């Protein structure tokens, strides 16, 4: 039995342009994590990042005929994500509303688990906000999604060396911030 290979981005784009929704779904599944990572790096909030991703994929589907190089769909999509995130940040600066505070209750039958996860998530998001935008982007795309420095550098318009430098600085800063939290928790036990 012959092994079936996944269709390339270029083939998926061509099929999606012809009305094949399953082909566009492949593109969404293939590139969602990278899109989310970039959106999160830009917005600093997972809910906003989800909204940005949804808007970006809808825009990509509506304007797929404007993707001049289907083989570079990922780069084209990430430009849309970056622009949507930028627009959201600009809108929020104008709105300048205070975020709503929420309390997270533990899940029934699992005391503290959900609350602990929520606290850890908040600490991680807070630590990520203390990084520069470039550092957040590189650490999320490289460490979370496994992007190589060459592709990250091309997306950011910088060199591979600078991408590596951003990653090094981001990891060092995150260790310093989160290490205090972990050490503080251990010392209290």
N, C-alpha and C. Protein backbone atom coordinates (compact mmCIF):
# COMPACT_ATOMS: atom_id res chain seq x y z
N UNK A 1 0.85 -1.18 0.00
CA UNK A 1 0.00 0.00 0.00
C UNK A 1 0.89 1.24 0.00
N UNK A 2 0.66 2.15 -0.90
CA UNK A 2 1.48 3.36 -1.02
C UNK A 2 1.17 4.31 0.14
N UNK A 3 2.22 4.92 0.65
CA UNK A 3 2.06 5.88 1.75
C UNK A 3 1.57 7.21 1.19
N UNK A 4 0.50 7.72 1.76
CA UNK A 4 -0.09 8.97 1.28
C UNK A 4 0.64 10.15 1.93
N UNK A 5 1.06 11.10 1.14
CA UNK A 5 1.74 12.28 1.67
C UNK A 5 0.75 13.43 1.80
N UNK A 6 1.05 14.28 2.75
CA UNK A 6 0.19 15.45 2.96
C UNK A 6 0.37 16.42 1.81
N UNK A 7 -0.71 17.04 1.37
CA UNK A 7 -0.59 18.01 0.28
C UNK A 7 0.19 19.24 0.73
N UNK A 8 0.92 19.83 -0.18
CA UNK A 8 1.69 21.03 0.13
C UNK A 8 0.74 22.20 0.36
N UNK A 9 1.29 23.27 0.95
CA UNK A 9 0.48 24.48 1.12
C UNK A 9 0.00 25.00 -0.23
N UNK A 10 0.88 24.96 -1.21
CA UNK A 10 0.52 25.48 -2.54
C UNK A 10 -0.67 24.71 -3.10
N UNK A 11 -0.65 23.39 -2.97
CA UNK A 11 -1.76 22.58 -3.47
C UNK A 11 -3.04 22.85 -2.69
N UNK A 12 -2.91 22.99 -1.37
CA UNK A 12 -4.09 23.30 -0.54
C UNK A 12 -4.69 24.65 -0.91
N UNK A 13 -3.83 25.64 -1.16
CA UNK A 13 -4.32 26.96 -1.55
C UNK A 13 -5.07 26.87 -2.88
N UNK A 14 -4.50 26.17 -3.83
CA UNK A 14 -5.16 26.03 -5.13
C UNK A 14 -6.51 25.32 -5.00
N UNK A 15 -6.54 24.27 -4.19
CA UNK A 15 -7.80 23.54 -3.99
C UNK A 15 -8.82 24.42 -3.26
N UNK A 16 -8.36 25.17 -2.26
CA UNK A 16 -9.27 26.05 -1.51
C UNK A 16 -9.82 27.14 -2.42
N UNK A 17 -8.99 27.65 -3.31
CA UNK A 17 -9.46 28.66 -4.27
C UNK A 17 -10.56 28.10 -5.16
N UNK A 18 -10.53 26.80 -5.37
CA UNK A 18 -11.55 26.15 -6.21
C UNK A 18 -12.78 25.74 -5.41
N UNK A 19 -12.80 26.12 -4.13
CA UNK A 19 -13.97 25.85 -3.31
C UNK A 19 -13.86 24.64 -2.41
N UNK A 20 -12.70 24.02 -2.31
CA UNK A 20 -12.50 22.85 -1.46
C UNK A 20 -12.26 23.30 -0.02
N UNK A 21 -13.32 23.24 0.80
CA UNK A 21 -13.19 23.71 2.18
C UNK A 21 -12.28 22.80 3.01
N UNK A 22 -12.20 21.54 2.67
CA UNK A 22 -11.32 20.62 3.40
C UNK A 22 -9.85 21.03 3.20
N UNK A 23 -9.51 21.55 2.05
CA UNK A 23 -8.14 21.99 1.80
C UNK A 23 -7.80 23.20 2.67
N UNK A 24 -8.76 24.10 2.82
CA UNK A 24 -8.50 25.26 3.68
C UNK A 24 -8.42 24.82 5.14
N UNK A 25 -9.20 23.82 5.51
CA UNK A 25 -9.13 23.30 6.87
C UNK A 25 -7.75 22.72 7.17
N UNK A 26 -7.14 22.09 6.19
CA UNK A 26 -5.77 21.57 6.35
C UNK A 26 -4.83 22.74 6.64
N UNK A 27 -4.97 23.83 5.90
CA UNK A 27 -4.13 25.00 6.13
C UNK A 27 -4.33 25.57 7.53
N UNK A 28 -5.57 25.60 7.98
CA UNK A 28 -5.86 26.12 9.32
C UNK A 28 -5.19 25.24 10.37
N UNK A 29 -5.39 23.93 10.27
CA UNK A 29 -4.79 23.01 11.25
C UNK A 29 -3.26 23.09 11.22
N UNK A 30 -2.72 23.20 10.04
CA UNK A 30 -1.27 23.22 9.88
C UNK A 30 -0.62 24.48 10.45
N UNK A 31 -1.31 25.62 10.37
CA UNK A 31 -0.69 26.89 10.72
C UNK A 31 -1.31 27.60 11.92
N UNK A 32 -2.27 26.98 12.58
CA UNK A 32 -2.93 27.66 13.69
C UNK A 32 -1.97 27.96 14.83
N UNK A 33 -1.15 27.01 15.22
CA UNK A 33 -0.26 27.22 16.38
C UNK A 33 0.70 28.38 16.12
N UNK A 34 1.27 28.46 14.94
CA UNK A 34 2.18 29.56 14.63
C UNK A 34 1.43 30.88 14.63
N UNK A 35 0.23 30.88 14.06
CA UNK A 35 -0.58 32.09 14.03
C UNK A 35 -0.94 32.52 15.46
N UNK A 36 -1.32 31.55 16.28
CA UNK A 36 -1.67 31.87 17.66
C UNK A 36 -0.45 32.39 18.42
N UNK A 37 0.69 31.76 18.22
CA UNK A 37 1.91 32.20 18.92
C UNK A 37 2.24 33.64 18.57
N UNK A 38 2.17 33.97 17.28
CA UNK A 38 2.46 35.33 16.87
C UNK A 38 1.42 36.30 17.43
N UNK A 39 0.16 35.93 17.35
CA UNK A 39 -0.90 36.79 17.88
C UNK A 39 -0.73 37.00 19.38
N UNK A 40 -0.39 35.94 20.09
CA UNK A 40 -0.20 36.05 21.54
C UNK A 40 1.02 36.93 21.84
N UNK A 41 2.07 36.76 21.06
CA UNK A 41 3.26 37.59 21.27
C UNK A 41 2.93 39.06 21.06
N UNK A 42 2.05 39.35 20.13
CA UNK A 42 1.69 40.74 19.83
C UNK A 42 0.66 41.31 20.80
N UNK A 43 -0.31 40.48 21.23
CA UNK A 43 -1.39 41.00 22.08
C UNK A 43 -1.14 40.79 23.56
N UNK A 44 -0.42 39.72 23.91
CA UNK A 44 -0.16 39.43 25.30
C UNK A 44 -1.34 38.84 26.05
N UNK A 45 -2.37 38.47 25.34
CA UNK A 45 -3.58 37.97 25.96
C UNK A 45 -4.10 36.83 25.10
N UNK A 46 -4.32 35.67 25.70
CA UNK A 46 -4.72 34.51 24.90
C UNK A 46 -6.11 34.67 24.28
N UNK A 47 -7.00 35.38 24.95
CA UNK A 47 -8.34 35.57 24.37
C UNK A 47 -8.27 36.49 23.16
N UNK A 48 -7.49 37.55 23.28
CA UNK A 48 -7.30 38.44 22.13
C UNK A 48 -6.58 37.70 21.01
N UNK A 49 -5.61 36.87 21.37
CA UNK A 49 -4.87 36.10 20.36
C UNK A 49 -5.81 35.17 19.60
N UNK A 50 -6.73 34.53 20.31
CA UNK A 50 -7.71 33.66 19.64
C UNK A 50 -8.58 34.47 18.68
N UNK A 51 -9.02 35.65 19.12
CA UNK A 51 -9.83 36.51 18.25
C UNK A 51 -9.05 36.94 17.02
N UNK A 52 -7.79 37.33 17.23
CA UNK A 52 -6.95 37.75 16.11
C UNK A 52 -6.80 36.60 15.12
N UNK A 53 -6.55 35.40 15.62
CA UNK A 53 -6.40 34.23 14.74
C UNK A 53 -7.67 33.97 13.94
N UNK A 54 -8.79 34.00 14.63
CA UNK A 54 -10.05 33.76 13.93
C UNK A 54 -10.26 34.80 12.84
N UNK A 55 -10.06 36.07 13.16
CA UNK A 55 -10.21 37.13 12.16
C UNK A 55 -9.23 36.94 11.00
N UNK A 56 -8.01 36.56 11.34
CA UNK A 56 -6.99 36.39 10.29
C UNK A 56 -7.33 35.24 9.36
N UNK A 57 -7.80 34.14 9.90
CA UNK A 57 -8.16 33.00 9.04
C UNK A 57 -9.39 33.31 8.20
N UNK A 58 -10.34 34.04 8.75
CA UNK A 58 -11.50 34.45 7.96
C UNK A 58 -11.05 35.37 6.82
N UNK A 59 -10.18 36.33 7.14
CA UNK A 59 -9.67 37.23 6.10
C UNK A 59 -8.88 36.46 5.06
N UNK A 60 -8.08 35.50 5.50
CA UNK A 60 -7.30 34.70 4.55
C UNK A 60 -8.22 33.92 3.62
N UNK A 61 -9.28 33.35 4.17
CA UNK A 61 -10.23 32.60 3.33
C UNK A 61 -10.92 33.51 2.32
N UNK A 62 -11.29 34.70 2.78
CA UNK A 62 -12.00 35.64 1.90
C UNK A 62 -11.10 36.21 0.82
N UNK A 63 -9.80 36.31 1.09
CA UNK A 63 -8.87 36.96 0.15
C UNK A 63 -7.80 36.01 -0.34
N UNK A 64 -8.11 34.73 -0.39
CA UNK A 64 -7.13 33.73 -0.79
C UNK A 64 -6.58 33.98 -2.19
N UNK A 65 -7.38 34.61 -3.03
CA UNK A 65 -6.91 34.93 -4.38
C UNK A 65 -5.80 35.97 -4.37
N UNK A 66 -5.60 36.68 -3.25
CA UNK A 66 -4.54 37.67 -3.15
C UNK A 66 -3.21 37.08 -2.68
N UNK A 67 -3.20 35.80 -2.36
CA UNK A 67 -1.96 35.13 -1.96
C UNK A 67 -1.18 34.85 -3.25
N UNK A 68 -0.21 35.70 -3.54
CA UNK A 68 0.53 35.62 -4.81
C UNK A 68 1.44 34.40 -4.90
N UNK A 69 1.96 33.96 -3.77
CA UNK A 69 2.86 32.81 -3.75
C UNK A 69 2.28 31.73 -2.83
N UNK A 70 1.43 30.87 -3.37
CA UNK A 70 0.77 29.85 -2.53
C UNK A 70 1.74 28.98 -1.74
N UNK A 71 2.94 28.76 -2.24
CA UNK A 71 3.92 27.96 -1.49
C UNK A 71 4.36 28.67 -0.22
N UNK A 72 4.16 29.99 -0.16
CA UNK A 72 4.53 30.77 1.01
C UNK A 72 3.28 31.24 1.76
N UNK A 73 2.28 30.38 1.80
CA UNK A 73 1.04 30.70 2.47
C UNK A 73 1.27 31.09 3.93
N UNK A 74 2.14 30.35 4.62
CA UNK A 74 2.37 30.62 6.05
C UNK A 74 2.85 32.05 6.27
N UNK A 75 3.80 32.49 5.48
CA UNK A 75 4.31 33.86 5.63
C UNK A 75 3.22 34.88 5.33
N UNK A 76 2.42 34.62 4.30
CA UNK A 76 1.32 35.52 3.94
C UNK A 76 0.30 35.57 5.09
N UNK A 77 -0.05 34.43 5.63
CA UNK A 77 -1.00 34.37 6.73
C UNK A 77 -0.46 35.11 7.96
N UNK A 78 0.82 34.93 8.27
CA UNK A 78 1.38 35.58 9.45
C UNK A 78 1.43 37.10 9.29
N UNK A 79 1.55 37.59 8.07
CA UNK A 79 1.45 39.04 7.86
C UNK A 79 0.04 39.52 8.20
N UNK A 80 -0.96 38.73 7.83
CA UNK A 80 -2.35 39.08 8.17
C UNK A 80 -2.52 39.07 9.69
N UNK A 81 -1.99 38.04 10.35
CA UNK A 81 -2.09 37.95 11.81
C UNK A 81 -1.42 39.15 12.46
N UNK A 82 -0.22 39.47 12.00
CA UNK A 82 0.52 40.61 12.57
C UNK A 82 -0.28 41.90 12.40
N UNK A 83 -0.86 42.11 11.24
CA UNK A 83 -1.65 43.32 11.00
C UNK A 83 -2.91 43.35 11.86
N UNK A 84 -3.59 42.22 11.98
CA UNK A 84 -4.80 42.16 12.81
C UNK A 84 -4.45 42.44 14.28
N UNK A 85 -3.35 41.86 14.74
CA UNK A 85 -2.93 42.09 16.14
C UNK A 85 -2.57 43.56 16.35
N UNK A 86 -1.88 44.14 15.38
CA UNK A 86 -1.52 45.56 15.47
C UNK A 86 -2.79 46.42 15.53
N UNK A 87 -3.76 46.11 14.69
CA UNK A 87 -5.01 46.87 14.69
C UNK A 87 -5.75 46.72 16.01
N UNK A 88 -5.73 45.53 16.58
CA UNK A 88 -6.39 45.32 17.86
C UNK A 88 -5.70 46.13 18.96
N UNK A 89 -4.38 46.13 18.97
CA UNK A 89 -3.66 46.90 19.98
C UNK A 89 -3.94 48.39 19.83
N UNK A 90 -3.98 48.86 18.60
CA UNK A 90 -4.28 50.28 18.37
C UNK A 90 -5.69 50.61 18.86
N UNK A 91 -6.63 49.74 18.60
CA UNK A 91 -8.01 49.94 19.05
C UNK A 91 -8.06 49.97 20.58
N UNK A 92 -7.35 49.05 21.21
CA UNK A 92 -7.37 49.00 22.67
C UNK A 92 -6.70 50.21 23.30
N UNK A 93 -5.68 50.75 22.66
CA UNK A 93 -5.05 51.97 23.20
C UNK A 93 -6.05 53.12 23.20
N UNK A 94 -6.87 53.18 22.17
CA UNK A 94 -7.87 54.24 22.09
C UNK A 94 -8.95 54.00 23.14
N UNK A 95 -9.36 52.77 23.28
CA UNK A 95 -10.41 52.42 24.23
C UNK A 95 -9.94 52.55 25.66
N UNK A 96 -8.71 52.12 25.94
CA UNK A 96 -8.04 52.25 27.25
C UNK A 96 -8.94 51.84 28.42
N UNK A 97 -9.56 50.71 28.32
CA UNK A 97 -10.40 50.22 29.41
C UNK A 97 -9.60 49.29 30.30
N UNK A 98 -9.95 49.26 31.56
CA UNK A 98 -9.30 48.35 32.50
C UNK A 98 -9.80 46.93 32.24
N UNK A 99 -8.91 45.93 32.31
CA UNK A 99 -9.37 44.56 32.11
C UNK A 99 -10.24 44.09 33.28
N UNK A 100 -11.17 43.21 32.98
CA UNK A 100 -12.01 42.64 34.02
C UNK A 100 -11.22 41.61 34.80
N UNK A 101 -11.35 41.65 36.11
CA UNK A 101 -10.68 40.65 36.93
C UNK A 101 -11.62 39.46 37.07
N UNK A 102 -11.03 38.28 37.11
CA UNK A 102 -11.87 37.10 37.27
C UNK A 102 -11.24 36.18 38.31
N UNK A 103 -12.10 35.50 39.01
CA UNK A 103 -11.66 34.50 39.99
C UNK A 103 -11.89 33.14 39.37
N UNK A 104 -10.92 32.28 39.53
CA UNK A 104 -11.05 30.95 38.98
C UNK A 104 -11.28 29.97 40.11
N UNK A 105 -12.39 29.29 40.05
CA UNK A 105 -12.71 28.29 41.08
C UNK A 105 -12.13 26.95 40.67
N UNK A 106 -11.84 26.14 41.64
CA UNK A 106 -11.31 24.80 41.36
C UNK A 106 -12.39 23.95 40.71
N UNK A 107 -11.98 23.02 39.89
CA UNK A 107 -12.91 22.12 39.23
C UNK A 107 -13.51 21.17 40.26
N UNK A 108 -14.78 20.79 40.08
CA UNK A 108 -15.40 19.89 41.04
C UNK A 108 -14.64 18.56 41.09
N UNK A 109 -14.38 18.08 42.29
CA UNK A 109 -13.71 16.80 42.45
C UNK A 109 -12.19 16.88 42.32
N UNK A 110 -11.67 17.99 41.87
CA UNK A 110 -10.22 18.15 41.73
C UNK A 110 -9.83 19.45 42.41
N UNK A 111 -9.72 19.41 43.74
CA UNK A 111 -9.47 20.66 44.46
C UNK A 111 -8.16 21.32 44.05
N UNK A 112 -8.27 22.57 43.68
CA UNK A 112 -7.09 23.37 43.39
C UNK A 112 -6.49 23.22 42.02
N UNK A 113 -6.76 22.15 41.28
CA UNK A 113 -6.08 21.91 40.01
C UNK A 113 -6.31 23.03 39.01
N UNK A 114 -7.57 23.36 38.77
CA UNK A 114 -7.86 24.42 37.80
C UNK A 114 -7.36 25.77 38.29
N UNK A 115 -7.51 26.02 39.58
CA UNK A 115 -7.04 27.28 40.13
C UNK A 115 -5.52 27.38 40.01
N UNK A 116 -4.82 26.28 40.27
CA UNK A 116 -3.36 26.28 40.14
C UNK A 116 -2.94 26.50 38.70
N UNK A 117 -3.64 25.86 37.78
CA UNK A 117 -3.33 26.05 36.35
C UNK A 117 -3.58 27.50 35.94
N UNK A 118 -4.69 28.05 36.41
CA UNK A 118 -5.01 29.44 36.07
C UNK A 118 -3.95 30.38 36.63
N UNK A 119 -3.50 30.12 37.85
CA UNK A 119 -2.45 30.96 38.45
C UNK A 119 -1.14 30.82 37.68
N UNK A 120 -0.78 29.59 37.33
CA UNK A 120 0.44 29.38 36.56
C UNK A 120 0.35 30.05 35.19
N UNK A 121 -0.82 29.95 34.55
CA UNK A 121 -1.02 30.59 33.24
C UNK A 121 -0.88 32.11 33.37
N UNK A 122 -1.46 32.67 34.42
CA UNK A 122 -1.36 34.12 34.63
C UNK A 122 0.08 34.54 34.87
N UNK A 123 0.83 33.74 35.64
CA UNK A 123 2.23 34.07 35.90
C UNK A 123 3.06 33.98 34.62
N UNK A 124 2.78 32.95 33.81
CA UNK A 124 3.51 32.81 32.55
C UNK A 124 3.17 33.96 31.60
N UNK A 125 1.89 34.30 31.50
CA UNK A 125 1.50 35.41 30.64
C UNK A 125 2.12 36.71 31.12
N UNK A 126 2.16 36.90 32.44
CA UNK A 126 2.78 38.09 33.00
C UNK A 126 4.27 38.12 32.69
N UNK A 127 4.93 36.99 32.82
CA UNK A 127 6.36 36.91 32.51
C UNK A 127 6.61 37.20 31.04
N UNK A 128 5.76 36.66 30.17
CA UNK A 128 5.92 36.92 28.73
C UNK A 128 5.75 38.40 28.41
N UNK A 129 4.88 39.09 29.15
CA UNK A 129 4.67 40.51 28.91
C UNK A 129 5.88 41.35 29.28
N UNK A 130 6.77 40.80 30.09
CA UNK A 130 7.96 41.53 30.48
C UNK A 130 9.07 41.42 29.44
N UNK A 131 8.83 40.62 28.40
CA UNK A 131 9.78 40.49 27.30
C UNK A 131 9.45 41.53 26.23
N UNK A 132 10.42 41.81 25.40
CA UNK A 132 10.13 42.68 24.25
C UNK A 132 9.24 41.90 23.28
N UNK A 133 8.59 42.60 22.39
CA UNK A 133 7.72 41.94 21.42
C UNK A 133 8.49 40.94 20.57
N UNK A 134 9.71 41.32 20.15
CA UNK A 134 10.53 40.41 19.34
C UNK A 134 10.91 39.17 20.14
N UNK A 135 11.26 39.35 21.41
CA UNK A 135 11.62 38.21 22.25
C UNK A 135 10.43 37.28 22.43
N UNK A 136 9.24 37.84 22.69
CA UNK A 136 8.04 37.01 22.84
C UNK A 136 7.77 36.22 21.57
N UNK A 137 7.85 36.90 20.43
CA UNK A 137 7.59 36.25 19.16
C UNK A 137 8.55 35.09 18.94
N UNK A 138 9.84 35.34 19.15
CA UNK A 138 10.84 34.29 18.90
C UNK A 138 10.67 33.13 19.87
N UNK A 139 10.50 33.40 21.15
CA UNK A 139 10.41 32.31 22.12
C UNK A 139 9.14 31.48 21.88
N UNK A 140 8.04 32.10 21.52
CA UNK A 140 6.81 31.35 21.28
C UNK A 140 6.89 30.55 19.98
N UNK A 141 7.37 31.18 18.91
CA UNK A 141 7.45 30.45 17.64
C UNK A 141 8.50 29.35 17.70
N UNK A 142 9.65 29.61 18.31
CA UNK A 142 10.72 28.60 18.35
C UNK A 142 10.43 27.50 19.37
N UNK A 143 10.17 27.88 20.61
CA UNK A 143 10.03 26.88 21.66
C UNK A 143 8.66 26.21 21.68
N UNK A 144 7.62 26.93 21.34
CA UNK A 144 6.29 26.35 21.37
C UNK A 144 5.95 25.64 20.07
N UNK A 145 6.31 26.25 18.95
CA UNK A 145 5.91 25.71 17.66
C UNK A 145 7.04 25.05 16.87
N UNK A 146 8.27 25.19 17.34
CA UNK A 146 9.38 24.52 16.68
C UNK A 146 9.85 25.15 15.38
N UNK A 147 9.58 26.42 15.19
CA UNK A 147 10.03 27.10 13.98
C UNK A 147 11.55 27.23 14.01
N UNK A 148 12.21 27.05 12.88
CA UNK A 148 13.66 27.27 12.82
C UNK A 148 13.96 28.78 12.78
N UNK A 149 15.15 29.12 13.24
CA UNK A 149 15.53 30.53 13.30
C UNK A 149 15.51 31.19 11.91
N UNK A 150 15.82 30.44 10.89
CA UNK A 150 15.83 31.01 9.54
C UNK A 150 14.44 31.55 9.17
N UNK A 151 13.40 30.77 9.46
CA UNK A 151 12.03 31.21 9.13
C UNK A 151 11.57 32.34 10.04
N UNK A 152 11.94 32.27 11.31
CA UNK A 152 11.57 33.34 12.25
C UNK A 152 12.23 34.65 11.82
N UNK A 153 13.51 34.56 11.47
CA UNK A 153 14.24 35.75 11.05
C UNK A 153 13.62 36.36 9.79
N UNK A 154 13.23 35.51 8.85
CA UNK A 154 12.61 36.02 7.62
C UNK A 154 11.30 36.71 7.94
N UNK A 155 10.51 36.13 8.86
CA UNK A 155 9.23 36.73 9.21
C UNK A 155 9.43 38.07 9.92
N UNK A 156 10.44 38.15 10.79
CA UNK A 156 10.69 39.38 11.54
C UNK A 156 11.50 40.40 10.75
N UNK A 157 12.07 39.97 9.64
CA UNK A 157 12.91 40.88 8.85
C UNK A 157 14.24 41.15 9.51
N UNK A 158 14.83 40.12 10.11
CA UNK A 158 16.10 40.25 10.81
C UNK A 158 17.00 39.08 10.43
N UNK A 159 18.14 38.97 11.06
CA UNK A 159 19.06 37.87 10.76
C UNK A 159 18.79 36.68 11.68
N UNK A 160 19.31 35.52 11.27
CA UNK A 160 19.20 34.33 12.12
C UNK A 160 19.92 34.56 13.44
N UNK A 161 21.06 35.22 13.40
CA UNK A 161 21.81 35.51 14.61
C UNK A 161 21.01 36.37 15.58
N UNK A 162 20.30 37.36 15.06
CA UNK A 162 19.48 38.21 15.93
C UNK A 162 18.31 37.41 16.50
N UNK A 163 17.75 36.50 15.70
CA UNK A 163 16.69 35.64 16.20
C UNK A 163 17.20 34.80 17.37
N UNK A 164 18.38 34.24 17.22
CA UNK A 164 18.99 33.43 18.29
C UNK A 164 19.26 34.30 19.53
N UNK A 165 19.70 35.52 19.29
CA UNK A 165 19.98 36.42 20.40
C UNK A 165 18.70 36.76 21.17
N UNK A 166 17.60 37.00 20.44
CA UNK A 166 16.31 37.27 21.08
C UNK A 166 15.88 36.05 21.92
N UNK A 167 16.07 34.85 21.38
CA UNK A 167 15.68 33.64 22.10
C UNK A 167 16.51 33.48 23.38
N UNK A 168 17.80 33.69 23.27
CA UNK A 168 18.68 33.58 24.44
C UNK A 168 18.26 34.55 25.53
N UNK A 169 18.05 35.80 25.13
CA UNK A 169 17.66 36.83 26.10
C UNK A 169 16.29 36.53 26.70
N UNK A 170 15.36 36.05 25.89
CA UNK A 170 14.02 35.74 26.37
C UNK A 170 14.05 34.60 27.39
N UNK A 171 14.79 33.55 27.07
CA UNK A 171 14.88 32.42 28.00
C UNK A 171 15.54 32.84 29.32
N UNK A 172 16.59 33.63 29.23
CA UNK A 172 17.28 34.09 30.44
C UNK A 172 16.32 34.91 31.31
N UNK A 173 15.58 35.80 30.68
CA UNK A 173 14.64 36.65 31.42
C UNK A 173 13.51 35.82 32.03
N UNK A 174 12.97 34.87 31.27
CA UNK A 174 11.90 34.02 31.79
C UNK A 174 12.38 33.17 32.96
N UNK A 175 13.60 32.65 32.87
CA UNK A 175 14.16 31.88 33.99
C UNK A 175 14.28 32.75 35.22
N UNK A 176 14.72 33.98 35.04
CA UNK A 176 14.87 34.90 36.18
C UNK A 176 13.51 35.20 36.81
N UNK A 177 12.51 35.45 35.99
CA UNK A 177 11.18 35.81 36.50
C UNK A 177 10.48 34.60 37.10
N UNK A 178 10.42 33.52 36.35
CA UNK A 178 9.67 32.35 36.81
C UNK A 178 10.46 31.53 37.82
N UNK A 179 11.76 31.63 37.79
CA UNK A 179 12.58 30.91 38.77
C UNK A 179 12.31 31.39 40.17
N UNK A 180 12.12 32.69 40.34
CA UNK A 180 11.78 33.24 41.65
C UNK A 180 10.46 32.67 42.14
N UNK A 181 9.49 32.52 41.23
CA UNK A 181 8.18 31.98 41.59
C UNK A 181 8.33 30.53 42.05
N UNK A 182 9.04 29.72 41.27
CA UNK A 182 9.19 28.32 41.60
C UNK A 182 9.98 28.17 42.92
N UNK A 183 11.06 28.93 43.06
CA UNK A 183 11.85 28.86 44.29
C UNK A 183 11.02 29.33 45.48
N UNK A 184 10.23 30.38 45.29
CA UNK A 184 9.39 30.89 46.37
C UNK A 184 8.36 29.87 46.79
N UNK A 185 7.79 29.14 45.82
CA UNK A 185 6.80 28.12 46.14
C UNK A 185 7.45 26.97 46.91
N UNK A 186 8.66 26.58 46.49
CA UNK A 186 9.36 25.46 47.15
C UNK A 186 9.75 25.85 48.57
N UNK A 187 10.14 27.09 48.77
CA UNK A 187 10.59 27.54 50.09
C UNK A 187 9.43 27.59 51.08
N UNK A 188 8.21 27.77 50.57
CA UNK A 188 7.05 27.87 51.46
C UNK A 188 6.51 26.51 51.90
N UNK A 189 6.98 25.45 51.30
CA UNK A 189 6.46 24.11 51.65
C UNK A 189 7.09 23.59 52.90
